Amino acid sequence: MKTIFACAAAMAVLLTASAVSAQETPEIAWNLGATSDYVFRGYSQTSEDPAIFGGVDLTVGSFYAGAWASNVDFGDSTDAEIDLYGGYRSEVSGFAVDVGVVGYLYTSQPGAADYDYAELKAAASRAFGPVTLGASVYWSPDFFGADDEATYVEANASFSPAAQWTVSGAFGHQSLDVNDDYATWNAGVAYAVTDNVAIDLRYHDTDVDGPLSDDRAVATLKFLF
């Protein structure tokens, strides 16, 4: 049911985009990359091993949809994560707003794992010269694994002192109905080597003591097409 919901939501975004933005020229962007550790909301998704990832985004006017995939390692048969997403971006009173849905699908997962889930997303940000401040909230009615209803709230900021450099950070709180709630944060710097190549060095941590949630530094290389 969660897989069907995620796929149906992404398809609805594409159909709506085609209907209301028929005269807009679709834009397609690709990305590929590698990271020393795939970290999601403070937790390693690859048992602290490297990951290779890639995705594609389709934008039609203010509507967008896309797919992204990476290898994962949960200590079982699960071997990859595939995300499907779609939404709408606009500007309201000087704020950039983004509302949408994200579906997280996992291949080769054990039969009783119940890893797949979907989240509704709402985000807003505003630029003040070289500084951008933002906030986002994600809500799922049936979250990953044993958890059902879950909410993730994040505040983030970035600073671009020069065209090629961006310093950024975020603080988030994950609320869960079965497992314990926790806080996570990250800070790092990104450097655009060219218009198509970027390097990101980032520190992640949480308030959970564990091998997959302890503090760690992560290096990521990303190619944009």
N, C-alpha and C. Protein backbone atom coordinates (compact mmCIF):
# COMPACT_ATOMS: atom_id res chain seq x y z
N MET A 1 0.83 -1.21 0.00
CA MET A 1 0.00 0.00 0.00
C MET A 1 0.86 1.26 0.00
N LYS A 2 1.94 1.26 0.79
CA LYS A 2 2.81 2.45 0.82
C LYS A 2 3.48 2.66 -0.52
N THR A 3 3.90 1.56 -1.19
CA THR A 3 4.53 1.67 -2.50
C THR A 3 3.55 2.22 -3.50
N ILE A 4 2.33 1.75 -3.48
CA ILE A 4 1.30 2.23 -4.41
C ILE A 4 1.04 3.71 -4.18
N PHE A 5 0.96 4.13 -2.92
CA PHE A 5 0.72 5.54 -2.61
C PHE A 5 1.81 6.43 -3.16
N ALA A 6 3.07 6.03 -2.97
CA ALA A 6 4.19 6.84 -3.43
C ALA A 6 4.20 6.95 -4.94
N CYS A 7 4.02 5.84 -5.63
CA CYS A 7 4.02 5.86 -7.10
C CYS A 7 2.85 6.66 -7.64
N ALA A 8 1.67 6.49 -7.03
CA ALA A 8 0.49 7.22 -7.48
C ALA A 8 0.66 8.72 -7.28
N ALA A 9 1.25 9.12 -6.17
CA ALA A 9 1.46 10.54 -5.90
C ALA A 9 2.42 11.16 -6.90
N ALA A 10 3.51 10.47 -7.20
CA ALA A 10 4.47 10.99 -8.19
C ALA A 10 3.82 11.09 -9.56
N MET A 11 3.02 10.09 -9.93
CA MET A 11 2.33 10.13 -11.22
C MET A 11 1.33 11.27 -11.26
N ALA A 12 0.63 11.52 -10.15
CA ALA A 12 -0.33 12.62 -10.11
C ALA A 12 0.35 13.96 -10.34
N VAL A 13 1.56 14.12 -9.79
CA VAL A 13 2.32 15.36 -10.01
C VAL A 13 2.63 15.53 -11.49
N LEU A 14 3.06 14.47 -12.14
CA LEU A 14 3.40 14.55 -13.56
C LEU A 14 2.17 14.85 -14.40
N LEU A 15 1.05 14.22 -14.11
CA LEU A 15 -0.17 14.47 -14.86
C LEU A 15 -0.67 15.89 -14.66
N THR A 16 -0.59 16.39 -13.42
CA THR A 16 -1.01 17.77 -13.16
C THR A 16 -0.10 18.74 -13.87
N ALA A 17 1.19 18.47 -13.85
CA ALA A 17 2.15 19.34 -14.55
C ALA A 17 1.84 19.40 -16.03
N SER A 18 1.52 18.25 -16.63
CA SER A 18 1.22 18.21 -18.05
C SER A 18 -0.05 18.99 -18.37
N ALA A 19 -1.02 18.93 -17.44
CA ALA A 19 -2.31 19.58 -17.69
C ALA A 19 -2.24 21.09 -17.56
N VAL A 20 -1.56 21.59 -16.53
CA VAL A 20 -1.57 23.03 -16.26
C VAL A 20 -0.38 23.76 -16.85
N SER A 21 0.64 23.00 -17.28
CA SER A 21 1.84 23.64 -17.83
C SER A 21 2.17 23.09 -19.21
N ALA A 22 1.13 22.91 -20.02
CA ALA A 22 1.30 22.28 -21.32
C ALA A 22 2.26 23.04 -22.21
N GLN A 23 2.35 24.37 -22.04
CA GLN A 23 3.21 25.17 -22.89
C GLN A 23 4.61 25.36 -22.33
N GLU A 24 4.87 24.83 -21.15
CA GLU A 24 6.19 24.93 -20.55
C GLU A 24 7.12 23.87 -21.16
N THR A 25 8.39 24.21 -21.31
CA THR A 25 9.36 23.26 -21.82
C THR A 25 9.91 22.42 -20.67
N PRO A 26 9.75 21.11 -20.72
CA PRO A 26 10.27 20.26 -19.64
C PRO A 26 11.78 20.35 -19.56
N GLU A 27 12.31 20.36 -18.34
CA GLU A 27 13.75 20.36 -18.12
C GLU A 27 14.13 19.08 -17.38
N ILE A 28 15.18 18.43 -17.86
CA ILE A 28 15.65 17.18 -17.27
C ILE A 28 17.07 17.37 -16.77
N ALA A 29 17.32 16.96 -15.53
CA ALA A 29 18.66 17.05 -14.94
C ALA A 29 19.03 15.70 -14.34
N TRP A 30 20.28 15.30 -14.53
CA TRP A 30 20.80 14.04 -14.01
C TRP A 30 21.88 14.30 -12.97
N ASN A 31 22.03 13.38 -12.04
CA ASN A 31 23.14 13.48 -11.09
C ASN A 31 23.69 12.09 -10.78
N LEU A 32 24.98 12.03 -10.60
CA LEU A 32 25.68 10.81 -10.20
C LEU A 32 26.69 11.18 -9.13
N GLY A 33 27.01 10.25 -8.25
CA GLY A 33 27.98 10.60 -7.23
C GLY A 33 28.44 9.41 -6.41
N ALA A 34 29.39 9.69 -5.55
CA ALA A 34 29.90 8.68 -4.62
C ALA A 34 30.16 9.36 -3.29
N THR A 35 29.93 8.64 -2.20
CA THR A 35 30.13 9.19 -0.87
C THR A 35 30.82 8.16 0.02
N SER A 36 31.57 8.64 0.98
CA SER A 36 32.28 7.72 1.88
C SER A 36 31.34 7.01 2.85
N ASP A 37 30.13 7.55 3.04
CA ASP A 37 29.15 6.94 3.94
C ASP A 37 27.80 7.60 3.64
N TYR A 38 26.79 6.82 3.27
CA TYR A 38 25.46 7.38 3.02
C TYR A 38 24.76 7.58 4.37
N VAL A 39 24.65 8.84 4.79
CA VAL A 39 24.03 9.18 6.07
C VAL A 39 22.69 9.84 5.83
N PHE A 40 21.64 9.32 6.47
CA PHE A 40 20.29 9.87 6.34
C PHE A 40 19.77 10.18 7.74
N ARG A 41 19.53 11.46 7.99
CA ARG A 41 19.04 11.92 9.29
C ARG A 41 19.90 11.39 10.44
N GLY A 42 21.20 11.44 10.22
CA GLY A 42 22.16 11.10 11.26
C GLY A 42 22.59 9.66 11.32
N TYR A 43 21.91 8.76 10.61
CA TYR A 43 22.22 7.34 10.65
C TYR A 43 22.86 6.87 9.36
N SER A 44 23.93 6.08 9.48
CA SER A 44 24.53 5.47 8.31
C SER A 44 23.57 4.45 7.71
N GLN A 45 23.37 4.52 6.40
CA GLN A 45 22.51 3.57 5.69
C GLN A 45 23.33 2.48 5.02
N THR A 46 24.65 2.54 5.16
CA THR A 46 25.53 1.59 4.47
C THR A 46 26.50 0.91 5.44
N SER A 47 26.13 0.87 6.71
CA SER A 47 27.02 0.27 7.74
C SER A 47 28.40 0.90 7.69
N GLU A 48 28.43 2.22 7.50
CA GLU A 48 29.64 3.03 7.49
C GLU A 48 30.54 2.75 6.28
N ASP A 49 30.00 2.11 5.25
CA ASP A 49 30.75 1.86 4.02
C ASP A 49 30.36 2.87 2.95
N PRO A 50 31.15 2.98 1.88
CA PRO A 50 30.85 3.94 0.80
C PRO A 50 29.57 3.59 0.05
N ALA A 51 29.07 4.57 -0.68
CA ALA A 51 27.87 4.38 -1.51
C ALA A 51 28.05 5.08 -2.85
N ILE A 52 27.41 4.50 -3.85
CA ILE A 52 27.31 5.12 -5.17
C ILE A 52 25.84 5.43 -5.41
N PHE A 53 25.54 6.63 -5.90
CA PHE A 53 24.15 7.03 -6.05
C PHE A 53 23.95 7.77 -7.37
N GLY A 54 22.69 7.90 -7.77
CA GLY A 54 22.37 8.63 -8.98
C GLY A 54 20.89 8.92 -9.06
N GLY A 55 20.52 9.94 -9.83
CA GLY A 55 19.11 10.29 -9.93
C GLY A 55 18.81 11.12 -11.16
N VAL A 56 17.52 11.33 -11.39
CA VAL A 56 17.05 12.15 -12.50
C VAL A 56 15.88 12.99 -12.02
N ASP A 57 15.83 14.25 -12.46
CA ASP A 57 14.76 15.17 -12.09
C ASP A 57 14.11 15.75 -13.34
N LEU A 58 12.79 15.78 -13.35
CA LEU A 58 12.02 16.39 -14.42
C LEU A 58 11.26 17.58 -13.85
N THR A 59 11.44 18.75 -14.46
CA THR A 59 10.75 19.96 -14.02
C THR A 59 9.91 20.51 -15.17
N VAL A 60 8.64 20.78 -14.88
CA VAL A 60 7.73 21.39 -15.85
C VAL A 60 7.08 22.58 -15.17
N GLY A 61 7.55 23.79 -15.49
CA GLY A 61 7.04 24.96 -14.79
C GLY A 61 7.41 24.90 -13.32
N SER A 62 6.40 24.97 -12.45
CA SER A 62 6.64 24.90 -11.01
C SER A 62 6.54 23.48 -10.46
N PHE A 63 6.19 22.52 -11.31
CA PHE A 63 6.04 21.14 -10.87
C PHE A 63 7.32 20.36 -11.13
N TYR A 64 7.58 19.37 -10.29
CA TYR A 64 8.76 18.54 -10.48
C TYR A 64 8.46 17.11 -10.04
N ALA A 65 9.23 16.19 -10.60
CA ALA A 65 9.17 14.79 -10.20
C ALA A 65 10.53 14.18 -10.48
N GLY A 66 10.86 13.12 -9.77
CA GLY A 66 12.16 12.52 -9.99
C GLY A 66 12.31 11.18 -9.31
N ALA A 67 13.49 10.60 -9.53
CA ALA A 67 13.85 9.32 -8.92
C ALA A 67 15.32 9.37 -8.54
N TRP A 68 15.66 8.67 -7.47
CA TRP A 68 17.04 8.64 -6.97
C TRP A 68 17.29 7.27 -6.36
N ALA A 69 18.51 6.77 -6.49
CA ALA A 69 18.82 5.43 -5.96
C ALA A 69 20.23 5.38 -5.39
N SER A 70 20.42 4.51 -4.40
CA SER A 70 21.73 4.30 -3.78
C SER A 70 21.79 2.88 -3.23
N ASN A 71 22.99 2.34 -3.15
CA ASN A 71 23.14 1.08 -2.43
C ASN A 71 23.00 1.33 -0.93
N VAL A 72 22.52 0.33 -0.19
CA VAL A 72 22.38 0.40 1.26
C VAL A 72 22.83 -0.93 1.87
N ASP A 73 23.04 -0.93 3.18
CA ASP A 73 23.41 -2.14 3.89
C ASP A 73 22.82 -2.07 5.29
N PHE A 74 21.74 -2.83 5.52
CA PHE A 74 21.08 -2.87 6.82
C PHE A 74 21.44 -4.14 7.60
N GLY A 75 22.46 -4.88 7.12
CA GLY A 75 22.83 -6.12 7.79
C GLY A 75 21.93 -7.28 7.43
N ASP A 76 21.10 -7.12 6.39
CA ASP A 76 20.25 -8.21 5.93
C ASP A 76 20.36 -8.28 4.41
N SER A 77 19.34 -8.77 3.73
CA SER A 77 19.40 -8.94 2.28
C SER A 77 19.11 -7.66 1.50
N THR A 78 18.65 -6.60 2.16
CA THR A 78 18.34 -5.35 1.48
C THR A 78 19.60 -4.78 0.84
N ASP A 79 19.50 -4.42 -0.45
CA ASP A 79 20.72 -3.97 -1.13
C ASP A 79 20.63 -2.60 -1.78
N ALA A 80 19.44 -2.01 -1.91
CA ALA A 80 19.33 -0.71 -2.56
C ALA A 80 18.10 0.05 -2.09
N GLU A 81 18.22 1.36 -2.11
CA GLU A 81 17.10 2.27 -1.83
C GLU A 81 16.75 3.01 -3.12
N ILE A 82 15.47 3.07 -3.44
CA ILE A 82 15.00 3.82 -4.60
C ILE A 82 13.95 4.81 -4.12
N ASP A 83 14.18 6.09 -4.35
CA ASP A 83 13.25 7.13 -3.94
C ASP A 83 12.50 7.66 -5.16
N LEU A 84 11.19 7.80 -5.02
CA LEU A 84 10.36 8.44 -6.03
C LEU A 84 9.72 9.65 -5.38
N TYR A 85 9.74 10.79 -6.07
CA TYR A 85 9.21 12.00 -5.44
C TYR A 85 8.62 12.94 -6.48
N GLY A 86 7.77 13.82 -5.99
CA GLY A 86 7.16 14.84 -6.84
C GLY A 86 6.61 15.95 -5.99
N GLY A 87 6.43 17.12 -6.60
CA GLY A 87 5.91 18.23 -5.83
C GLY A 87 5.76 19.50 -6.64
N TYR A 88 5.59 20.58 -5.91
CA TYR A 88 5.33 21.89 -6.50
C TYR A 88 6.16 22.94 -5.77
N ARG A 89 6.89 23.76 -6.54
CA ARG A 89 7.70 24.84 -5.97
C ARG A 89 7.16 26.18 -6.44
N SER A 90 7.17 27.16 -5.54
CA SER A 90 6.70 28.49 -5.89
C SER A 90 7.35 29.50 -4.95
N GLU A 91 6.94 30.76 -5.07
CA GLU A 91 7.42 31.82 -4.20
C GLU A 91 6.23 32.55 -3.61
N VAL A 92 6.23 32.74 -2.30
CA VAL A 92 5.15 33.42 -1.59
C VAL A 92 5.75 34.47 -0.68
N SER A 93 5.48 35.74 -0.96
CA SER A 93 5.96 36.85 -0.13
C SER A 93 7.46 36.79 0.12
N GLY A 94 8.20 36.46 -0.91
CA GLY A 94 9.65 36.42 -0.79
C GLY A 94 10.21 35.10 -0.29
N PHE A 95 9.34 34.14 0.07
CA PHE A 95 9.78 32.83 0.53
C PHE A 95 9.66 31.81 -0.60
N ALA A 96 10.68 30.99 -0.77
CA ALA A 96 10.60 29.86 -1.69
C ALA A 96 9.91 28.72 -0.95
N VAL A 97 8.83 28.20 -1.51
CA VAL A 97 8.07 27.13 -0.85
C VAL A 97 8.10 25.88 -1.72
N ASP A 98 8.02 24.73 -1.07
CA ASP A 98 8.11 23.45 -1.74
C ASP A 98 7.20 22.47 -1.00
N VAL A 99 6.18 21.94 -1.68
CA VAL A 99 5.31 20.93 -1.09
C VAL A 99 5.31 19.71 -2.00
N GLY A 100 5.32 18.53 -1.40
CA GLY A 100 5.38 17.34 -2.23
C GLY A 100 5.28 16.07 -1.44
N VAL A 101 5.63 14.97 -2.08
CA VAL A 101 5.59 13.64 -1.47
C VAL A 101 6.85 12.89 -1.89
N VAL A 102 7.36 12.05 -0.98
CA VAL A 102 8.54 11.23 -1.25
C VAL A 102 8.22 9.79 -0.87
N GLY A 103 8.52 8.86 -1.78
CA GLY A 103 8.37 7.44 -1.49
C GLY A 103 9.73 6.78 -1.41
N TYR A 104 9.98 6.01 -0.35
CA TYR A 104 11.26 5.33 -0.13
C TYR A 104 11.02 3.83 -0.29
N LEU A 105 11.63 3.25 -1.31
CA LEU A 105 11.42 1.84 -1.63
C LEU A 105 12.76 1.10 -1.51
N TYR A 106 12.73 -0.13 -0.99
CA TYR A 106 13.95 -0.89 -0.72
C TYR A 106 13.89 -2.25 -1.42
N THR A 107 14.92 -2.53 -2.21
CA THR A 107 14.94 -3.77 -2.98
C THR A 107 15.56 -4.91 -2.18
N SER A 108 15.05 -6.11 -2.42
CA SER A 108 15.54 -7.36 -1.80
C SER A 108 15.42 -7.37 -0.28
N GLN A 109 14.49 -6.58 0.28
CA GLN A 109 14.32 -6.58 1.72
C GLN A 109 13.67 -7.88 2.19
N PRO A 110 13.94 -8.30 3.44
CA PRO A 110 13.28 -9.50 3.97
C PRO A 110 11.77 -9.36 3.94
N GLY A 111 11.09 -10.48 3.82
CA GLY A 111 9.64 -10.46 3.64
C GLY A 111 8.87 -9.72 4.72
N ALA A 112 9.28 -9.80 5.96
CA ALA A 112 8.55 -9.18 7.07
C ALA A 112 9.16 -7.84 7.50
N ALA A 113 10.06 -7.28 6.70
CA ALA A 113 10.79 -6.09 7.13
C ALA A 113 9.92 -4.84 7.17
N ASP A 114 9.04 -4.66 6.21
CA ASP A 114 8.16 -3.48 6.15
C ASP A 114 8.97 -2.18 6.10
N TYR A 115 9.98 -2.14 5.24
CA TYR A 115 10.83 -0.95 5.15
C TYR A 115 10.21 0.18 4.32
N ASP A 116 9.49 -0.14 3.26
CA ASP A 116 8.97 0.89 2.35
C ASP A 116 8.05 1.86 3.09
N TYR A 117 8.16 3.14 2.75
CA TYR A 117 7.27 4.13 3.35
C TYR A 117 7.20 5.38 2.48
N ALA A 118 6.26 6.25 2.79
CA ALA A 118 6.09 7.50 2.06
C ALA A 118 5.95 8.65 3.06
N GLU A 119 6.40 9.84 2.65
CA GLU A 119 6.30 11.03 3.49
C GLU A 119 5.72 12.19 2.70
N LEU A 120 4.90 12.99 3.35
CA LEU A 120 4.48 14.27 2.80
C LEU A 120 5.47 15.33 3.26
N LYS A 121 5.78 16.27 2.38
CA LYS A 121 6.83 17.25 2.66
C LYS A 121 6.31 18.67 2.47
N ALA A 122 6.73 19.58 3.36
CA ALA A 122 6.47 21.02 3.21
C ALA A 122 7.73 21.75 3.66
N ALA A 123 8.23 22.65 2.82
CA ALA A 123 9.47 23.37 3.15
C ALA A 123 9.37 24.81 2.69
N ALA A 124 10.10 25.68 3.37
CA ALA A 124 10.14 27.10 3.00
C ALA A 124 11.53 27.64 3.32
N SER A 125 12.00 28.58 2.51
CA SER A 125 13.30 29.20 2.75
C SER A 125 13.28 30.62 2.21
N ARG A 126 14.23 31.42 2.70
CA ARG A 126 14.33 32.80 2.23
C ARG A 126 15.80 33.23 2.23
N ALA A 127 16.20 33.91 1.17
CA ALA A 127 17.57 34.38 1.04
C ALA A 127 17.70 35.81 1.54
N PHE A 128 18.78 36.05 2.28
CA PHE A 128 19.13 37.37 2.75
C PHE A 128 20.56 37.64 2.30
N GLY A 129 20.70 38.12 1.07
CA GLY A 129 22.03 38.27 0.50
C GLY A 129 22.67 36.91 0.33
N PRO A 130 23.88 36.70 0.84
CA PRO A 130 24.56 35.40 0.68
C PRO A 130 24.08 34.33 1.67
N VAL A 131 23.15 34.71 2.56
CA VAL A 131 22.66 33.77 3.58
C VAL A 131 21.24 33.32 3.23
N THR A 132 20.99 32.01 3.34
CA THR A 132 19.65 31.46 3.13
C THR A 132 19.24 30.69 4.38
N LEU A 133 18.05 31.00 4.91
CA LEU A 133 17.51 30.31 6.07
C LEU A 133 16.27 29.52 5.65
N GLY A 134 16.12 28.32 6.18
CA GLY A 134 14.98 27.50 5.78
C GLY A 134 14.51 26.57 6.87
N ALA A 135 13.35 25.97 6.62
CA ALA A 135 12.78 24.99 7.54
C ALA A 135 11.93 24.02 6.72
N SER A 136 11.82 22.79 7.21
CA SER A 136 11.02 21.79 6.50
C SER A 136 10.41 20.82 7.50
N VAL A 137 9.32 20.18 7.07
CA VAL A 137 8.68 19.16 7.89
C VAL A 137 8.26 18.00 6.98
N TYR A 138 8.51 16.78 7.46
CA TYR A 138 8.13 15.57 6.74
C TYR A 138 7.23 14.75 7.66
N TRP A 139 6.13 14.23 7.11
CA TRP A 139 5.20 13.44 7.93
C TRP A 139 4.85 12.15 7.20
N SER A 140 4.92 11.03 7.93
CA SER A 140 4.57 9.73 7.38
C SER A 140 3.51 9.06 8.23
N PRO A 141 2.46 8.50 7.62
CA PRO A 141 1.45 7.77 8.39
C PRO A 141 1.89 6.34 8.71
N ASP A 142 2.92 5.84 8.03
CA ASP A 142 3.38 4.46 8.22
C ASP A 142 4.86 4.42 7.88
N PHE A 143 5.70 4.67 8.88
CA PHE A 143 7.13 4.91 8.68
C PHE A 143 7.91 3.61 8.52
N PHE A 144 9.20 3.75 8.44
CA PHE A 144 10.16 2.66 8.24
C PHE A 144 10.09 1.62 9.36
N GLY A 145 10.04 0.34 9.00
CA GLY A 145 10.10 -0.73 9.98
C GLY A 145 8.93 -0.77 10.94
N ALA A 146 9.23 -0.82 12.24
CA ALA A 146 8.18 -0.99 13.25
C ALA A 146 7.38 0.28 13.51
N ASP A 147 7.93 1.44 13.16
CA ASP A 147 7.24 2.70 13.45
C ASP A 147 6.12 2.97 12.45
N ASP A 148 5.03 3.55 12.99
CA ASP A 148 3.93 3.97 12.13
C ASP A 148 4.03 5.47 11.92
N GLU A 149 3.20 6.27 12.58
CA GLU A 149 3.23 7.72 12.36
C GLU A 149 4.56 8.32 12.82
N ALA A 150 5.14 9.16 11.98
CA ALA A 150 6.44 9.77 12.29
C ALA A 150 6.52 11.15 11.67
N THR A 151 7.21 12.06 12.36
CA THR A 151 7.38 13.44 11.89
C THR A 151 8.84 13.84 12.03
N TYR A 152 9.37 14.44 10.96
CA TYR A 152 10.73 14.96 11.01
C TYR A 152 10.68 16.46 10.72
N VAL A 153 11.26 17.25 11.63
CA VAL A 153 11.28 18.72 11.49
C VAL A 153 12.73 19.17 11.44
N GLU A 154 13.05 20.07 10.51
CA GLU A 154 14.43 20.51 10.35
C GLU A 154 14.52 22.01 10.12
N ALA A 155 15.52 22.64 10.71
CA ALA A 155 15.90 24.03 10.43
C ALA A 155 17.27 23.99 9.78
N ASN A 156 17.46 24.79 8.75
CA ASN A 156 18.74 24.75 8.04
C ASN A 156 19.17 26.15 7.62
N ALA A 157 20.45 26.29 7.34
CA ALA A 157 21.00 27.58 6.92
C ALA A 157 22.20 27.34 6.02
N SER A 158 22.43 28.26 5.09
CA SER A 158 23.60 28.18 4.23
C SER A 158 24.16 29.58 3.99
N PHE A 159 25.44 29.63 3.73
CA PHE A 159 26.14 30.89 3.50
C PHE A 159 27.11 30.70 2.33
N SER A 160 27.00 31.58 1.33
CA SER A 160 27.86 31.49 0.15
C SER A 160 28.77 32.71 0.10
N PRO A 161 29.96 32.61 0.69
CA PRO A 161 30.88 33.76 0.71
C PRO A 161 31.49 34.05 -0.65
N ALA A 162 31.49 33.05 -1.54
CA ALA A 162 32.02 33.22 -2.89
C ALA A 162 31.24 32.31 -3.82
N ALA A 163 31.36 32.55 -5.11
CA ALA A 163 30.54 31.83 -6.09
C ALA A 163 30.71 30.31 -6.00
N GLN A 164 31.91 29.84 -5.69
CA GLN A 164 32.16 28.40 -5.70
C GLN A 164 32.01 27.74 -4.34
N TRP A 165 31.86 28.53 -3.27
CA TRP A 165 31.84 27.98 -1.92
C TRP A 165 30.48 28.14 -1.26
N THR A 166 30.05 27.10 -0.53
CA THR A 166 28.84 27.17 0.28
C THR A 166 29.07 26.47 1.60
N VAL A 167 28.84 27.19 2.69
CA VAL A 167 28.90 26.62 4.03
C VAL A 167 27.47 26.42 4.51
N SER A 168 27.14 25.24 5.01
CA SER A 168 25.74 24.98 5.38
C SER A 168 25.66 24.06 6.59
N GLY A 169 24.50 24.07 7.20
CA GLY A 169 24.26 23.22 8.36
C GLY A 169 22.77 23.05 8.60
N ALA A 170 22.42 22.05 9.39
CA ALA A 170 21.01 21.79 9.69
C ALA A 170 20.88 21.12 11.04
N PHE A 171 19.75 21.37 11.68
CA PHE A 171 19.40 20.70 12.94
C PHE A 171 18.01 20.10 12.76
N GLY A 172 17.86 18.81 13.06
CA GLY A 172 16.58 18.15 12.87
C GLY A 172 16.16 17.34 14.08
N HIS A 173 14.85 17.07 14.16
CA HIS A 173 14.30 16.25 15.24
C HIS A 173 13.34 15.23 14.62
N GLN A 174 13.62 13.95 14.87
CA GLN A 174 12.78 12.87 14.37
C GLN A 174 11.89 12.34 15.49
N SER A 175 10.58 12.47 15.31
CA SER A 175 9.61 11.95 16.27
C SER A 175 9.07 10.61 15.77
N LEU A 176 9.08 9.60 16.64
CA LEU A 176 8.66 8.26 16.29
C LEU A 176 7.65 7.75 17.30
N ASP A 177 6.79 6.81 16.90
CA ASP A 177 5.77 6.34 17.83
C ASP A 177 6.12 5.00 18.49
N VAL A 178 7.17 4.33 18.03
CA VAL A 178 7.61 3.09 18.65
C VAL A 178 9.03 3.25 19.19
N ASN A 179 9.97 3.56 18.33
CA ASN A 179 11.34 3.81 18.77
C ASN A 179 11.46 5.19 19.40
N ASP A 180 12.57 5.45 20.07
CA ASP A 180 12.77 6.72 20.77
C ASP A 180 12.99 7.86 19.79
N ASP A 181 12.44 9.03 20.12
CA ASP A 181 12.72 10.23 19.35
C ASP A 181 14.21 10.57 19.47
N TYR A 182 14.71 11.32 18.49
CA TYR A 182 16.12 11.72 18.58
C TYR A 182 16.35 13.00 17.80
N ALA A 183 17.48 13.64 18.08
CA ALA A 183 17.89 14.85 17.38
C ALA A 183 19.13 14.55 16.54
N THR A 184 19.26 15.26 15.43
CA THR A 184 20.41 15.09 14.56
C THR A 184 20.84 16.44 13.99
N TRP A 185 22.11 16.57 13.67
CA TRP A 185 22.60 17.83 13.09
C TRP A 185 23.77 17.54 12.17
N ASN A 186 24.02 18.48 11.27
CA ASN A 186 25.18 18.34 10.38
C ASN A 186 25.68 19.73 10.00
N ALA A 187 26.94 19.81 9.63
CA ALA A 187 27.54 21.07 9.16
C ALA A 187 28.67 20.70 8.21
N GLY A 188 28.82 21.52 7.17
CA GLY A 188 29.87 21.21 6.21
C GLY A 188 30.08 22.31 5.20
N VAL A 189 30.97 22.04 4.27
CA VAL A 189 31.29 23.01 3.22
C VAL A 189 31.30 22.30 1.88
N ALA A 190 30.74 22.96 0.85
CA ALA A 190 30.72 22.43 -0.50
C ALA A 190 31.51 23.35 -1.42
N TYR A 191 32.22 22.75 -2.36
CA TYR A 191 33.02 23.50 -3.31
C TYR A 191 32.67 23.05 -4.72
N ALA A 192 32.26 23.99 -5.57
CA ALA A 192 31.94 23.69 -6.97
C ALA A 192 33.22 23.74 -7.78
N VAL A 193 33.74 22.59 -8.12
CA VAL A 193 34.96 22.51 -8.91
C VAL A 193 34.73 23.10 -10.30
N THR A 194 33.58 22.72 -10.91
CA THR A 194 33.10 23.28 -12.17
C THR A 194 31.59 23.42 -12.04
N ASP A 195 30.92 23.81 -13.11
CA ASP A 195 29.46 23.89 -13.09
C ASP A 195 28.83 22.50 -12.95
N ASN A 196 29.60 21.46 -13.22
CA ASN A 196 29.06 20.10 -13.22
C ASN A 196 29.66 19.17 -12.17
N VAL A 197 30.63 19.66 -11.40
CA VAL A 197 31.30 18.81 -10.42
C VAL A 197 31.37 19.55 -9.08
N ALA A 198 30.96 18.88 -8.00
CA ALA A 198 30.99 19.49 -6.68
C ALA A 198 31.51 18.50 -5.65
N ILE A 199 32.21 19.02 -4.64
CA ILE A 199 32.73 18.24 -3.53
C ILE A 199 32.11 18.76 -2.24
N ASP A 200 31.65 17.85 -1.38
CA ASP A 200 31.05 18.24 -0.10
C ASP A 200 31.73 17.48 1.03
N LEU A 201 32.20 18.21 2.04
CA LEU A 201 32.78 17.63 3.24
C LEU A 201 31.88 17.99 4.41
N ARG A 202 31.37 16.98 5.15
CA ARG A 202 30.32 17.26 6.13
C ARG A 202 30.49 16.40 7.39
N TYR A 203 30.16 17.01 8.51
CA TYR A 203 30.17 16.34 9.81
C TYR A 203 28.73 16.08 10.24
N HIS A 204 28.44 14.83 10.66
CA HIS A 204 27.11 14.43 11.11
C HIS A 204 27.17 13.93 12.55
N ASP A 205 26.10 14.15 13.30
CA ASP A 205 26.02 13.61 14.65
C ASP A 205 24.57 13.53 15.08
N THR A 206 24.30 12.75 16.13
CA THR A 206 22.98 12.64 16.74
C THR A 206 23.16 12.58 18.26
N ASP A 207 22.03 12.56 18.96
CA ASP A 207 22.10 12.38 20.42
C ASP A 207 21.85 10.92 20.80
N VAL A 208 22.02 10.02 19.82
CA VAL A 208 21.87 8.58 20.04
C VAL A 208 23.25 7.94 20.05
N ASP A 209 23.55 7.17 21.08
CA ASP A 209 24.84 6.49 21.19
C ASP A 209 24.75 5.13 20.50
N GLY A 210 25.41 5.01 19.36
CA GLY A 210 25.37 3.75 18.63
C GLY A 210 26.35 3.78 17.47
N PRO A 211 26.78 2.63 16.96
CA PRO A 211 27.79 2.59 15.91
C PRO A 211 27.33 3.23 14.60
N LEU A 212 26.04 3.26 14.33
CA LEU A 212 25.55 3.83 13.08
C LEU A 212 25.07 5.27 13.23
N SER A 213 25.00 5.76 14.47
CA SER A 213 24.49 7.11 14.71
C SER A 213 25.51 8.02 15.38
N ASP A 214 26.70 7.50 15.68
CA ASP A 214 27.74 8.34 16.29
C ASP A 214 28.25 9.38 15.30
N ASP A 215 29.00 10.34 15.80
CA ASP A 215 29.52 11.40 14.94
C ASP A 215 30.45 10.83 13.88
N ARG A 216 30.44 11.48 12.69
CA ARG A 216 31.25 11.00 11.58
C ARG A 216 31.46 12.11 10.57
N ALA A 217 32.58 12.06 9.87
CA ALA A 217 32.85 12.98 8.78
C ALA A 217 32.64 12.24 7.46
N VAL A 218 31.98 12.90 6.53
CA VAL A 218 31.62 12.27 5.25
C VAL A 218 32.08 13.14 4.09
N ALA A 219 32.70 12.53 3.10
CA ALA A 219 33.12 13.21 1.88
C ALA A 219 32.28 12.71 0.72
N THR A 220 31.77 13.65 -0.09
CA THR A 220 30.91 13.30 -1.22
C THR A 220 31.37 14.00 -2.48
N LEU A 221 31.40 13.27 -3.58
CA LEU A 221 31.71 13.82 -4.90
C LEU A 221 30.48 13.65 -5.76
N LYS A 222 30.02 14.76 -6.39
CA LYS A 222 28.78 14.73 -7.16
C LYS A 222 28.97 15.33 -8.54
N PHE A 223 28.38 14.66 -9.54
CA PHE A 223 28.42 15.13 -10.92
C PHE A 223 27.00 15.50 -11.36
N LEU A 224 26.84 16.65 -11.96
CA LEU A 224 25.54 17.15 -12.39
C LEU A 224 25.52 17.30 -13.92
N PHE A 225 24.42 16.86 -14.53
CA PHE A 225 24.30 16.93 -15.99
C PHE A 225 22.99 17.58 -16.38
